[in-house]
Amino acid sequence: MTPSSDLVIRFAIPSDVPAILGFIRALARYEKLEHEVVADEARLAATLFGERRFAEVLLAELGGPPVGFALFFSSYSTFLAQPGLYLEDLFVEPAARGRGVGLALMSALARTAIERGYGRFEWSVLDWNAPALDFYRALGAAPQAEWTVQRVVGAPLAALAERWSGTIG
């Protein structure tokens, strides 16, 4: 698919925070996880554009306001001894799908990884999301079936933190 000629991919700026939060909520609705979204504009502004930036965002525009986003951050591979790019979220508004927006965002992320000297580009996808799985396969992505994602949040995270009381030096 050839991306639309009026497609622009750009790095987000602080005034884009409301649009970013809108994409996060739309993605959560699609994934049936809206109840898990606690992000707000203040927290996004602080973590994306504050003194310490924890992630970055690319926005896609088709001659108007953003129609898609990709939120990513650096990871690290001990086996490669290189940083990597981890895509946390990718979302394109339904009305903009089929116009090459997702492809352009993924290509821009891959280019960013290469330009920064990263050794890999990774992401997770829900196993029921057939359209996304098909899209990623078409890009040449290989599922890592032997790995499962593990996560601790909330009370289990706090409990784990208390399991060792030593000083981190």
N, C-alpha and C. Protein backbone atom coordinates (compact mmCIF):
# COMPACT_ATOMS: atom_id res chain seq x y z
N MET A 1 0.83 -1.17 0.00
CA MET A 1 0.00 0.00 0.00
C MET A 1 0.88 1.24 0.00
N THR A 2 0.56 2.18 -0.85
CA THR A 2 1.27 3.44 -0.90
C THR A 2 0.57 4.43 0.01
N PRO A 3 1.31 5.03 0.96
CA PRO A 3 0.68 6.01 1.84
C PRO A 3 0.15 7.21 1.07
N SER A 4 -0.89 7.80 1.59
CA SER A 4 -1.52 8.97 1.01
C SER A 4 -0.49 10.09 0.85
N SER A 5 -0.56 10.86 -0.23
CA SER A 5 0.43 11.89 -0.51
C SER A 5 0.40 13.04 0.49
N ASP A 6 -0.72 13.24 1.19
CA ASP A 6 -0.79 14.32 2.18
C ASP A 6 -0.45 13.85 3.59
N LEU A 7 0.09 12.64 3.70
CA LEU A 7 0.44 12.08 5.00
C LEU A 7 1.73 12.70 5.54
N VAL A 8 1.68 13.15 6.78
CA VAL A 8 2.83 13.69 7.49
C VAL A 8 2.99 12.91 8.78
N ILE A 9 4.21 12.49 9.07
CA ILE A 9 4.55 11.86 10.35
C ILE A 9 5.48 12.83 11.06
N ARG A 10 5.17 13.14 12.31
CA ARG A 10 5.99 14.09 13.06
C ARG A 10 6.05 13.68 14.53
N PHE A 11 7.10 14.15 15.21
CA PHE A 11 7.19 13.94 16.64
C PHE A 11 6.20 14.86 17.35
N ALA A 12 5.58 14.33 18.38
CA ALA A 12 4.61 15.11 19.15
C ALA A 12 5.31 16.21 19.94
N ILE A 13 4.55 17.25 20.22
CA ILE A 13 4.99 18.36 21.05
C ILE A 13 4.00 18.50 22.21
N PRO A 14 4.34 19.28 23.25
CA PRO A 14 3.46 19.35 24.42
C PRO A 14 2.00 19.69 24.12
N SER A 15 1.75 20.53 23.14
CA SER A 15 0.36 20.88 22.84
C SER A 15 -0.43 19.72 22.23
N ASP A 16 0.24 18.62 21.90
CA ASP A 16 -0.43 17.44 21.36
C ASP A 16 -0.97 16.50 22.45
N VAL A 17 -0.71 16.81 23.70
CA VAL A 17 -1.11 15.90 24.79
C VAL A 17 -2.60 15.55 24.74
N PRO A 18 -3.53 16.49 24.53
CA PRO A 18 -4.94 16.10 24.46
C PRO A 18 -5.21 15.06 23.35
N ALA A 19 -4.60 15.23 22.20
CA ALA A 19 -4.78 14.27 21.10
C ALA A 19 -4.20 12.91 21.47
N ILE A 20 -3.04 12.90 22.12
CA ILE A 20 -2.42 11.65 22.53
C ILE A 20 -3.33 10.92 23.50
N LEU A 21 -3.87 11.63 24.49
CA LEU A 21 -4.79 11.00 25.44
C LEU A 21 -6.03 10.48 24.72
N GLY A 22 -6.51 11.21 23.74
CA GLY A 22 -7.66 10.73 22.96
C GLY A 22 -7.36 9.42 22.24
N PHE A 23 -6.15 9.30 21.66
CA PHE A 23 -5.77 8.06 21.00
C PHE A 23 -5.64 6.92 22.00
N ILE A 24 -5.08 7.20 23.17
CA ILE A 24 -4.94 6.16 24.20
C ILE A 24 -6.32 5.64 24.59
N ARG A 25 -7.26 6.55 24.78
CA ARG A 25 -8.63 6.12 25.16
C ARG A 25 -9.30 5.35 24.02
N ALA A 26 -9.11 5.79 22.80
CA ALA A 26 -9.70 5.08 21.66
C ALA A 26 -9.12 3.68 21.52
N LEU A 27 -7.81 3.56 21.69
CA LEU A 27 -7.17 2.24 21.64
C LEU A 27 -7.71 1.35 22.76
N ALA A 28 -7.83 1.90 23.95
CA ALA A 28 -8.35 1.12 25.08
C ALA A 28 -9.78 0.64 24.82
N ARG A 29 -10.59 1.51 24.22
CA ARG A 29 -11.97 1.09 23.86
C ARG A 29 -11.93 -0.08 22.89
N TYR A 30 -11.08 0.03 21.86
CA TYR A 30 -10.96 -1.04 20.86
C TYR A 30 -10.52 -2.35 21.52
N GLU A 31 -9.58 -2.26 22.45
CA GLU A 31 -9.05 -3.45 23.11
C GLU A 31 -9.91 -3.92 24.29
N LYS A 32 -11.04 -3.22 24.52
CA LYS A 32 -11.94 -3.55 25.62
C LYS A 32 -11.21 -3.43 26.97
N LEU A 33 -10.35 -2.42 27.08
CA LEU A 33 -9.56 -2.19 28.29
C LEU A 33 -9.72 -0.76 28.81
N GLU A 34 -10.79 -0.10 28.41
CA GLU A 34 -10.98 1.30 28.79
C GLU A 34 -10.97 1.50 30.31
N HIS A 35 -11.44 0.50 31.03
CA HIS A 35 -11.48 0.59 32.49
C HIS A 35 -10.08 0.65 33.11
N GLU A 36 -9.05 0.32 32.35
CA GLU A 36 -7.68 0.34 32.87
C GLU A 36 -6.98 1.69 32.65
N VAL A 37 -7.57 2.58 31.88
CA VAL A 37 -6.92 3.86 31.58
C VAL A 37 -7.08 4.81 32.76
N VAL A 38 -5.95 5.15 33.37
CA VAL A 38 -5.93 6.15 34.44
C VAL A 38 -5.10 7.36 34.01
N ALA A 39 -4.54 7.31 32.83
CA ALA A 39 -3.74 8.42 32.31
C ALA A 39 -4.59 9.68 32.22
N ASP A 40 -3.95 10.81 32.47
CA ASP A 40 -4.61 12.10 32.27
C ASP A 40 -3.60 13.04 31.60
N GLU A 41 -4.06 14.20 31.20
CA GLU A 41 -3.20 15.12 30.46
C GLU A 41 -1.99 15.55 31.28
N ALA A 42 -2.16 15.80 32.57
CA ALA A 42 -1.04 16.26 33.40
C ALA A 42 0.04 15.19 33.50
N ARG A 43 -0.38 13.96 33.71
CA ARG A 43 0.60 12.87 33.83
C ARG A 43 1.30 12.63 32.50
N LEU A 44 0.56 12.67 31.40
CA LEU A 44 1.19 12.51 30.08
C LEU A 44 2.17 13.64 29.80
N ALA A 45 1.78 14.86 30.10
CA ALA A 45 2.68 15.99 29.86
C ALA A 45 3.97 15.82 30.66
N ALA A 46 3.85 15.40 31.91
CA ALA A 46 5.03 15.23 32.76
C ALA A 46 5.93 14.10 32.28
N THR A 47 5.35 12.99 31.85
CA THR A 47 6.17 11.83 31.49
C THR A 47 6.65 11.84 30.04
N LEU A 48 5.96 12.58 29.19
CA LEU A 48 6.37 12.66 27.78
C LEU A 48 7.21 13.90 27.48
N PHE A 49 6.98 14.97 28.23
CA PHE A 49 7.64 16.24 27.90
C PHE A 49 8.29 16.91 29.11
N GLY A 50 8.32 16.25 30.24
CA GLY A 50 8.89 16.83 31.44
C GLY A 50 10.40 16.76 31.47
N GLU A 51 10.95 17.01 32.63
CA GLU A 51 12.40 17.00 32.81
C GLU A 51 13.02 15.67 32.41
N ARG A 52 12.36 14.58 32.78
CA ARG A 52 12.79 13.25 32.35
C ARG A 52 11.71 12.68 31.44
N ARG A 53 12.07 12.44 30.21
CA ARG A 53 11.11 11.92 29.24
C ARG A 53 11.21 10.40 29.20
N PHE A 54 10.09 9.75 29.46
CA PHE A 54 10.06 8.30 29.54
C PHE A 54 9.67 7.64 28.23
N ALA A 55 9.06 8.38 27.34
CA ALA A 55 8.62 7.83 26.07
C ALA A 55 8.51 8.96 25.06
N GLU A 56 8.34 8.58 23.81
CA GLU A 56 8.16 9.54 22.72
C GLU A 56 6.93 9.15 21.92
N VAL A 57 6.42 10.09 21.16
CA VAL A 57 5.23 9.85 20.35
C VAL A 57 5.44 10.39 18.95
N LEU A 58 5.08 9.56 17.97
CA LEU A 58 4.96 10.01 16.59
C LEU A 58 3.48 10.18 16.30
N LEU A 59 3.14 11.25 15.60
CA LEU A 59 1.76 11.48 15.19
C LEU A 59 1.67 11.45 13.68
N ALA A 60 0.55 10.97 13.19
CA ALA A 60 0.28 10.93 11.75
C ALA A 60 -0.85 11.90 11.44
N GLU A 61 -0.64 12.70 10.39
CA GLU A 61 -1.65 13.67 9.97
C GLU A 61 -1.91 13.50 8.48
N LEU A 62 -3.16 13.68 8.12
CA LEU A 62 -3.57 13.63 6.71
C LEU A 62 -4.14 14.98 6.30
N GLY A 63 -3.32 16.01 6.39
CA GLY A 63 -3.76 17.34 6.01
C GLY A 63 -4.65 18.01 7.03
N GLY A 64 -4.64 17.54 8.26
CA GLY A 64 -5.47 18.13 9.30
C GLY A 64 -4.97 17.66 10.66
N PRO A 65 -5.89 17.53 11.62
CA PRO A 65 -5.48 17.07 12.94
C PRO A 65 -4.96 15.62 12.89
N PRO A 66 -4.22 15.20 13.91
CA PRO A 66 -3.68 13.83 13.91
C PRO A 66 -4.77 12.77 13.77
N VAL A 67 -4.42 11.72 12.99
CA VAL A 67 -5.33 10.60 12.78
C VAL A 67 -4.76 9.29 13.32
N GLY A 68 -3.55 9.34 13.84
CA GLY A 68 -2.92 8.14 14.38
C GLY A 68 -1.71 8.50 15.21
N PHE A 69 -1.31 7.54 16.05
CA PHE A 69 -0.14 7.77 16.88
C PHE A 69 0.61 6.48 17.14
N ALA A 70 1.88 6.65 17.49
CA ALA A 70 2.72 5.54 17.92
C ALA A 70 3.51 6.04 19.13
N LEU A 71 3.33 5.39 20.27
CA LEU A 71 4.06 5.75 21.49
C LEU A 71 5.12 4.69 21.71
N PHE A 72 6.38 5.13 21.90
CA PHE A 72 7.48 4.18 21.99
C PHE A 72 8.52 4.67 22.99
N PHE A 73 9.41 3.76 23.36
CA PHE A 73 10.50 4.10 24.27
C PHE A 73 11.67 3.18 23.99
N SER A 74 12.82 3.51 24.57
CA SER A 74 14.01 2.69 24.39
C SER A 74 13.97 1.50 25.34
N SER A 75 14.43 0.38 24.83
CA SER A 75 14.61 -0.82 25.64
C SER A 75 16.09 -1.18 25.51
N TYR A 76 16.46 -2.35 26.01
CA TYR A 76 17.86 -2.75 25.92
C TYR A 76 17.95 -4.26 25.78
N SER A 77 18.81 -4.71 24.88
CA SER A 77 19.06 -6.14 24.69
C SER A 77 20.44 -6.48 25.23
N THR A 78 20.48 -7.30 26.26
CA THR A 78 21.77 -7.74 26.78
C THR A 78 22.47 -8.65 25.77
N PHE A 79 21.71 -9.45 25.03
CA PHE A 79 22.32 -10.35 24.05
C PHE A 79 22.98 -9.57 22.92
N LEU A 80 22.38 -8.47 22.50
CA LEU A 80 22.96 -7.65 21.44
C LEU A 80 23.91 -6.58 21.99
N ALA A 81 23.80 -6.30 23.28
CA ALA A 81 24.51 -5.18 23.90
C ALA A 81 24.21 -3.89 23.13
N GLN A 82 22.91 -3.72 22.83
CA GLN A 82 22.44 -2.54 22.10
C GLN A 82 21.08 -2.14 22.62
N PRO A 83 20.77 -0.86 22.52
CA PRO A 83 19.40 -0.46 22.82
C PRO A 83 18.46 -0.95 21.73
N GLY A 84 17.19 -0.93 22.05
CA GLY A 84 16.15 -1.28 21.09
C GLY A 84 15.01 -0.28 21.19
N LEU A 85 14.11 -0.36 20.26
CA LEU A 85 12.92 0.49 20.27
C LEU A 85 11.74 -0.40 20.60
N TYR A 86 10.98 -0.04 21.61
CA TYR A 86 9.79 -0.80 21.99
C TYR A 86 8.57 0.06 21.73
N LEU A 87 7.70 -0.45 20.87
CA LEU A 87 6.44 0.22 20.55
C LEU A 87 5.40 -0.20 21.59
N GLU A 88 4.96 0.75 22.39
CA GLU A 88 3.96 0.47 23.41
C GLU A 88 2.56 0.47 22.82
N ASP A 89 2.25 1.49 22.02
CA ASP A 89 0.91 1.60 21.45
C ASP A 89 0.96 2.17 20.04
N LEU A 90 0.11 1.61 19.19
CA LEU A 90 -0.09 2.10 17.82
C LEU A 90 -1.59 2.14 17.59
N PHE A 91 -2.08 3.26 17.09
CA PHE A 91 -3.51 3.37 16.82
C PHE A 91 -3.73 4.32 15.67
N VAL A 92 -4.61 3.93 14.76
CA VAL A 92 -5.04 4.78 13.65
C VAL A 92 -6.56 4.83 13.69
N GLU A 93 -7.10 6.04 13.60
CA GLU A 93 -8.55 6.19 13.62
C GLU A 93 -9.17 5.35 12.50
N PRO A 94 -10.30 4.72 12.78
CA PRO A 94 -10.93 3.86 11.76
C PRO A 94 -11.14 4.55 10.41
N ALA A 95 -11.53 5.81 10.41
CA ALA A 95 -11.78 6.52 9.14
C ALA A 95 -10.52 6.72 8.32
N ALA A 96 -9.34 6.64 8.97
CA ALA A 96 -8.07 6.86 8.26
C ALA A 96 -7.39 5.55 7.87
N ARG A 97 -7.96 4.43 8.28
CA ARG A 97 -7.33 3.15 7.97
C ARG A 97 -7.42 2.85 6.48
N GLY A 98 -6.45 2.09 5.99
CA GLY A 98 -6.42 1.74 4.58
C GLY A 98 -5.77 2.81 3.71
N ARG A 99 -5.20 3.83 4.34
CA ARG A 99 -4.57 4.92 3.60
C ARG A 99 -3.06 4.96 3.82
N GLY A 100 -2.52 3.89 4.40
CA GLY A 100 -1.08 3.80 4.58
C GLY A 100 -0.54 4.45 5.85
N VAL A 101 -1.44 4.87 6.74
CA VAL A 101 -1.01 5.55 7.96
C VAL A 101 -0.24 4.61 8.88
N GLY A 102 -0.78 3.43 9.12
CA GLY A 102 -0.10 2.46 9.98
C GLY A 102 1.25 2.06 9.41
N LEU A 103 1.30 1.81 8.12
CA LEU A 103 2.56 1.47 7.45
C LEU A 103 3.57 2.59 7.61
N ALA A 104 3.14 3.84 7.42
CA ALA A 104 4.06 4.97 7.54
C ALA A 104 4.56 5.11 8.97
N LEU A 105 3.69 4.93 9.96
CA LEU A 105 4.14 5.00 11.35
C LEU A 105 5.16 3.91 11.65
N MET A 106 4.89 2.69 11.22
CA MET A 106 5.82 1.59 11.48
C MET A 106 7.14 1.82 10.75
N SER A 107 7.09 2.32 9.53
CA SER A 107 8.30 2.61 8.78
C SER A 107 9.11 3.71 9.46
N ALA A 108 8.42 4.75 9.94
CA ALA A 108 9.11 5.84 10.63
C ALA A 108 9.76 5.34 11.92
N LEU A 109 9.09 4.42 12.62
CA LEU A 109 9.68 3.84 13.83
C LEU A 109 10.92 3.02 13.49
N ALA A 110 10.84 2.22 12.44
CA ALA A 110 11.99 1.41 12.01
C ALA A 110 13.15 2.32 11.62
N ARG A 111 12.87 3.39 10.90
CA ARG A 111 13.91 4.34 10.51
C ARG A 111 14.53 5.00 11.74
N THR A 112 13.69 5.35 12.71
CA THR A 112 14.19 5.95 13.96
C THR A 112 15.13 4.98 14.66
N ALA A 113 14.73 3.71 14.73
CA ALA A 113 15.59 2.69 15.37
C ALA A 113 16.94 2.60 14.67
N ILE A 114 16.93 2.56 13.36
CA ILE A 114 18.18 2.46 12.60
C ILE A 114 19.03 3.71 12.78
N GLU A 115 18.42 4.88 12.67
CA GLU A 115 19.16 6.13 12.80
C GLU A 115 19.80 6.26 14.18
N ARG A 116 19.17 5.69 15.20
CA ARG A 116 19.70 5.77 16.56
C ARG A 116 20.67 4.63 16.89
N GLY A 117 20.88 3.74 15.95
CA GLY A 117 21.80 2.62 16.17
C GLY A 117 21.22 1.52 17.03
N TYR A 118 19.91 1.39 17.06
CA TYR A 118 19.25 0.35 17.85
C TYR A 118 19.36 -0.99 17.13
N GLY A 119 19.37 -2.06 17.91
CA GLY A 119 19.52 -3.39 17.35
C GLY A 119 18.23 -4.10 17.02
N ARG A 120 17.11 -3.60 17.57
CA ARG A 120 15.84 -4.26 17.27
C ARG A 120 14.66 -3.33 17.53
N PHE A 121 13.52 -3.75 17.03
CA PHE A 121 12.26 -3.02 17.13
C PHE A 121 11.22 -4.06 17.53
N GLU A 122 10.61 -3.89 18.68
CA GLU A 122 9.68 -4.89 19.20
C GLU A 122 8.37 -4.26 19.67
N TRP A 123 7.35 -5.11 19.81
CA TRP A 123 6.07 -4.70 20.36
C TRP A 123 5.28 -5.94 20.72
N SER A 124 4.20 -5.73 21.45
CA SER A 124 3.28 -6.82 21.79
C SER A 124 1.95 -6.54 21.12
N VAL A 125 1.20 -7.60 20.90
CA VAL A 125 -0.13 -7.46 20.30
C VAL A 125 -1.04 -8.50 20.94
N LEU A 126 -2.28 -8.11 21.18
CA LEU A 126 -3.25 -9.05 21.75
C LEU A 126 -3.48 -10.21 20.78
N ASP A 127 -3.54 -11.41 21.31
CA ASP A 127 -3.63 -12.59 20.45
C ASP A 127 -4.94 -12.69 19.67
N TRP A 128 -5.97 -11.95 20.07
CA TRP A 128 -7.24 -11.99 19.34
C TRP A 128 -7.33 -10.91 18.25
N ASN A 129 -6.34 -10.03 18.18
CA ASN A 129 -6.40 -8.91 17.25
C ASN A 129 -5.89 -9.33 15.86
N ALA A 130 -6.72 -10.09 15.16
CA ALA A 130 -6.34 -10.64 13.85
C ALA A 130 -5.93 -9.57 12.83
N PRO A 131 -6.65 -8.44 12.74
CA PRO A 131 -6.21 -7.43 11.77
C PRO A 131 -4.79 -6.93 12.06
N ALA A 132 -4.47 -6.71 13.32
CA ALA A 132 -3.12 -6.25 13.68
C ALA A 132 -2.09 -7.34 13.40
N LEU A 133 -2.41 -8.57 13.76
CA LEU A 133 -1.48 -9.67 13.51
C LEU A 133 -1.19 -9.82 12.02
N ASP A 134 -2.22 -9.72 11.20
CA ASP A 134 -2.03 -9.81 9.74
C ASP A 134 -1.18 -8.64 9.23
N PHE A 135 -1.45 -7.44 9.73
CA PHE A 135 -0.69 -6.26 9.33
C PHE A 135 0.78 -6.42 9.70
N TYR A 136 1.07 -6.87 10.91
CA TYR A 136 2.45 -7.02 11.34
C TYR A 136 3.18 -8.12 10.55
N ARG A 137 2.48 -9.21 10.26
CA ARG A 137 3.10 -10.26 9.44
C ARG A 137 3.47 -9.72 8.05
N ALA A 138 2.58 -8.90 7.50
CA ALA A 138 2.84 -8.32 6.18
C ALA A 138 4.07 -7.38 6.20
N LEU A 139 4.41 -6.88 7.37
CA LEU A 139 5.59 -6.02 7.50
C LEU A 139 6.87 -6.83 7.69
N GLY A 140 6.72 -8.15 7.86
CA GLY A 140 7.89 -9.00 8.07
C GLY A 140 8.15 -9.32 9.53
N ALA A 141 7.23 -8.96 10.42
CA ALA A 141 7.42 -9.24 11.84
C ALA A 141 7.26 -10.73 12.11
N ALA A 142 8.06 -11.23 13.03
CA ALA A 142 8.00 -12.63 13.43
C ALA A 142 7.53 -12.73 14.88
N PRO A 143 6.43 -13.44 15.12
CA PRO A 143 5.97 -13.58 16.50
C PRO A 143 6.98 -14.38 17.33
N GLN A 144 7.12 -13.99 18.57
CA GLN A 144 8.03 -14.67 19.48
C GLN A 144 7.21 -15.59 20.37
N ALA A 145 6.72 -16.67 19.79
CA ALA A 145 5.76 -17.55 20.46
C ALA A 145 6.31 -18.20 21.73
N GLU A 146 7.62 -18.33 21.82
CA GLU A 146 8.18 -18.98 22.99
C GLU A 146 8.27 -18.06 24.20
N TRP A 147 7.94 -16.80 24.04
CA TRP A 147 7.99 -15.82 25.13
C TRP A 147 6.58 -15.41 25.52
N THR A 148 6.36 -15.23 26.80
CA THR A 148 5.10 -14.67 27.27
C THR A 148 5.38 -13.40 28.05
N VAL A 149 4.51 -12.45 27.93
CA VAL A 149 4.65 -11.19 28.65
C VAL A 149 4.22 -11.40 30.09
N GLN A 150 5.02 -10.93 31.01
CA GLN A 150 4.71 -10.99 32.43
C GLN A 150 4.57 -9.56 32.93
N ARG A 151 3.68 -9.34 33.91
CA ARG A 151 3.46 -7.98 34.37
C ARG A 151 3.03 -7.99 35.82
N VAL A 152 3.54 -7.05 36.59
CA VAL A 152 3.02 -6.79 37.94
C VAL A 152 2.65 -5.31 38.00
N VAL A 153 1.48 -5.01 38.53
CA VAL A 153 1.00 -3.64 38.68
C VAL A 153 0.27 -3.51 40.01
N GLY A 154 0.08 -2.28 40.45
CA GLY A 154 -0.72 -2.01 41.63
C GLY A 154 -0.21 -2.70 42.88
N ALA A 155 -1.13 -3.33 43.61
CA ALA A 155 -0.79 -3.97 44.88
C ALA A 155 0.27 -5.06 44.74
N PRO A 156 0.22 -5.93 43.72
CA PRO A 156 1.29 -6.92 43.58
C PRO A 156 2.66 -6.28 43.35
N LEU A 157 2.72 -5.16 42.63
CA LEU A 157 3.98 -4.45 42.43
C LEU A 157 4.50 -3.92 43.76
N ALA A 158 3.63 -3.30 44.53
CA ALA A 158 4.04 -2.78 45.84
C ALA A 158 4.48 -3.91 46.77
N ALA A 159 3.77 -5.02 46.74
CA ALA A 159 4.14 -6.16 47.59
C ALA A 159 5.50 -6.73 47.18
N LEU A 160 5.76 -6.83 45.89
CA LEU A 160 7.05 -7.32 45.42
C LEU A 160 8.18 -6.39 45.86
N ALA A 161 7.94 -5.10 45.79
CA ALA A 161 8.96 -4.13 46.19
C ALA A 161 9.35 -4.29 47.66
N GLU A 162 8.43 -4.78 48.48
CA GLU A 162 8.69 -4.95 49.92
C GLU A 162 9.32 -6.30 50.25
N ARG A 163 9.46 -7.18 49.29
CA ARG A 163 9.98 -8.52 49.56
C ARG A 163 11.45 -8.52 49.93
N TRP A 164 12.20 -7.48 49.57
CA TRP A 164 13.61 -7.35 49.95
C TRP A 164 13.81 -5.94 50.48
N SER A 165 14.31 -5.83 51.66
CA SER A 165 14.41 -4.51 52.30
C SER A 165 15.81 -3.92 52.27
N GLY A 166 16.70 -4.56 51.56
CA GLY A 166 18.07 -4.04 51.49
C GLY A 166 18.16 -2.70 50.79
N THR A 167 19.28 -2.04 50.97
CA THR A 167 19.54 -0.75 50.35
C THR A 167 20.07 -0.96 48.95
N ILE A 168 19.52 -0.18 48.03
CA ILE A 168 20.02 -0.21 46.65
C ILE A 168 21.12 0.84 46.59
N GLY A 169 22.36 0.39 46.37
CA GLY A 169 23.50 1.31 46.47
C GLY A 169 23.95 1.93 45.23
